[in-house]
C-alpha atoms as a PDB file:
ATOM      1  CA  MET A   1       0.061  -0.061   0.248  1.00  0.00           C
ATOM      2  CA  ASP A   2       1.410   3.202  -0.908  1.00  0.00           C
ATOM      3  CA  ASP A   3      -0.283   5.641   1.407  1.00  0.00           C
ATOM      4  CA  GLY A   4       2.912   7.438   2.878  1.00  0.00           C
ATOM      5  CA  ILE A   5       6.495   6.975   3.912  1.00  0.00           C
ATOM      6  CA  HIS A   6       7.258   4.312   6.399  1.00  0.00           C
ATOM      7  CA  ILE A   7      10.641   4.776   8.394  1.00  0.00           C
ATOM      8  CA  GLU A   8      11.572   1.610  10.023  1.00  0.00           C
ATOM      9  CA  ASN A   9      13.121   1.721  13.731  1.00  0.00           C
ATOM     10  CA  ALA A  10      12.563   5.399  13.397  1.00  0.00           C
ATOM     11  CA  LEU A  11      11.292   5.458  17.129  1.00  0.00           C
ATOM     12  CA  ASN A  12      13.514   2.995  18.662  1.00  0.00           C
ATOM     13  CA  THR A  13      11.753  -0.357  17.294  1.00  0.00           C
ATOM     14  CA  LYS A  14       8.708   1.311  16.208  1.00  0.00           C
ATOM     15  CA  THR A  15       8.042   2.401  12.444  1.00  0.00           C
ATOM     16  CA  LEU A  16       7.161   5.883  11.813  1.00  0.00           C
ATOM     17  CA  ARG A  17       4.425   6.478   9.215  1.00  0.00           C
ATOM     18  CA  ILE A  18       3.926   9.904   7.425  1.00  0.00           C
ATOM     19  CA  LYS A  19       1.057  10.031   5.283  1.00  0.00           C
ATOM     20  CA  TRP A  20       1.654  11.626   1.884  1.00  0.00           C
ATOM     21  CA  ASN A  21      -1.323  14.419   2.341  1.00  0.00           C
ATOM     22  CA  THR A  22       0.306  15.614   5.535  1.00  0.00           C
ATOM     23  CA  ILE A  23       3.589  16.581   4.158  1.00  0.00           C
ATOM     24  CA  ALA A  24       4.133  20.490   3.949  1.00  0.00           C
ATOM     25  CA  SER A  25       7.776  20.643   2.750  1.00  0.00           C
ATOM     26  CA  ILE A  26      11.182  18.565   2.426  1.00  0.00           C
ATOM     27  CA  THR A  27      14.414  20.238   2.870  1.00  0.00           C
ATOM     28  CA  LYS A  28      18.149  19.740   3.661  1.00  0.00           C
ATOM     29  CA  SER A  29      18.447  19.071   7.348  1.00  0.00           C
ATOM     30  CA  LYS A  30      20.351  21.562   9.669  1.00  0.00           C
ATOM     31  CA  GLU A  31      20.377  18.884  12.519  1.00  0.00           C
ATOM     32  CA  VAL A  32      21.500  15.766  10.608  1.00  0.00           C
ATOM     33  CA  ARG A  33      24.701  15.845   8.385  1.00  0.00           C
ATOM     34  CA  ASP A  34      23.658  15.122   4.823  1.00  0.00           C
ATOM     35  CA  GLY A  35      20.188  14.541   5.913  1.00  0.00           C
ATOM     36  CA  LEU A  36      16.653  15.678   4.940  1.00  0.00           C
ATOM     37  CA  GLU A  37      14.070  17.251   7.095  1.00  0.00           C
ATOM     38  CA  ILE A  38      10.183  16.425   6.406  1.00  0.00           C
ATOM     39  CA  ARG A  39       7.926  19.223   7.862  1.00  0.00           C
ATOM     40  CA  MET A  40       4.200  18.232   8.183  1.00  0.00           C
ATOM     41  CA  LYS A  41       1.370  20.592   7.897  1.00  0.00           C
ATOM     42  CA  ASP A  42       0.671  20.603  11.824  1.00  0.00           C
ATOM     43  CA  GLY A  43       4.247  21.764  12.495  1.00  0.00           C
ATOM     44  CA  LYS A  44       5.885  18.490  13.401  1.00  0.00           C
ATOM     45  CA  TYR A  45       9.045  17.313  11.582  1.00  0.00           C
ATOM     46  CA  ILE A  46      11.379  14.708  11.390  1.00  0.00           C
ATOM     47  CA  ALA A  47      15.101  14.893  10.354  1.00  0.00           C
ATOM     48  CA  PHE A  48      16.930  11.866   8.839  1.00  0.00           C
ATOM     49  CA  GLY A  49      20.053  10.761   7.051  1.00  0.00           C
ATOM     50  CA  ILE A  50      21.423   7.722   5.020  1.00  0.00           C
ATOM     51  CA  TYR A  51      24.599   6.480   6.343  1.00  0.00           C
ATOM     52  CA  ASN A  52      27.185   4.068   4.835  1.00  0.00           C
ATOM     53  CA  SER A  53      26.502   4.850   1.292  1.00  0.00           C
ATOM     54  CA  TYR A  54      28.970   6.071  -1.310  1.00  0.00           C
ATOM     55  CA  LYS A  55      26.175   7.427  -3.446  1.00  0.00           C
ATOM     56  CA  LEU A  56      24.673   9.495  -0.595  1.00  0.00           C
ATOM     57  CA  GLN A  57      24.024  12.638  -2.527  1.00  0.00           C
ATOM     58  CA  GLN A  58      22.333  10.963  -5.469  1.00  0.00           C
ATOM     59  CA  ILE A  59      20.131   8.846  -3.165  1.00  0.00           C
ATOM     60  CA  THR A  60      19.214  11.664  -0.916  1.00  0.00           C
ATOM     61  CA  GLN A  61      18.204  13.848  -3.841  1.00  0.00           C
ATOM     62  CA  PHE A  62      16.056  10.698  -5.269  1.00  0.00           C
ATOM     63  CA  ILE A  63      14.534  10.643  -1.871  1.00  0.00           C
ATOM     64  CA  ALA A  64      13.676  14.210  -1.738  1.00  0.00           C
ATOM     65  CA  ASN A  65      12.236  14.215  -5.162  1.00  0.00           C
ATOM     66  CA  TYR A  66      10.210  11.121  -4.748  1.00  0.00           C
ATOM     67  CA  ILE A  67       8.668  12.511  -1.519  1.00  0.00           C
ATOM     68  CA  ALA A  68       7.925  15.949  -3.107  1.00  0.00           C
ATOM     69  CA  GLU A  69       6.241  14.334  -6.003  1.00  0.00           C
ATOM     70  CA  LYS A  70       3.884  12.126  -3.724  1.00  0.00           C
ATOM     71  CA  ALA A  71       3.219  14.829  -1.449  1.00  0.00           C
ATOM     72  CA  ASN A  72       2.028  16.972  -4.266  1.00  0.00           C
ATOM     73  CA  GLY A  73      -0.281  14.231  -5.570  1.00  0.00           C
ATOM     74  CA  ASN A  74       1.801  13.048  -8.642  1.00  0.00           C
END
């Protein structure tokens, strides 16, 4: 089911789910090195990064573009 983002083990052992229609923006994170920040319409946000990847910038940009497209209903 493609109803949003599912980040495994985001909250210790729990999966964090963010529905596409709740996302307000996605930007580079100021808290996490080479990370992204997803802001929700209710003011909450999550900052995350990808580690141990030699294609870090390409993967991060792909994720940002994918989230932006999905959040805009495309």
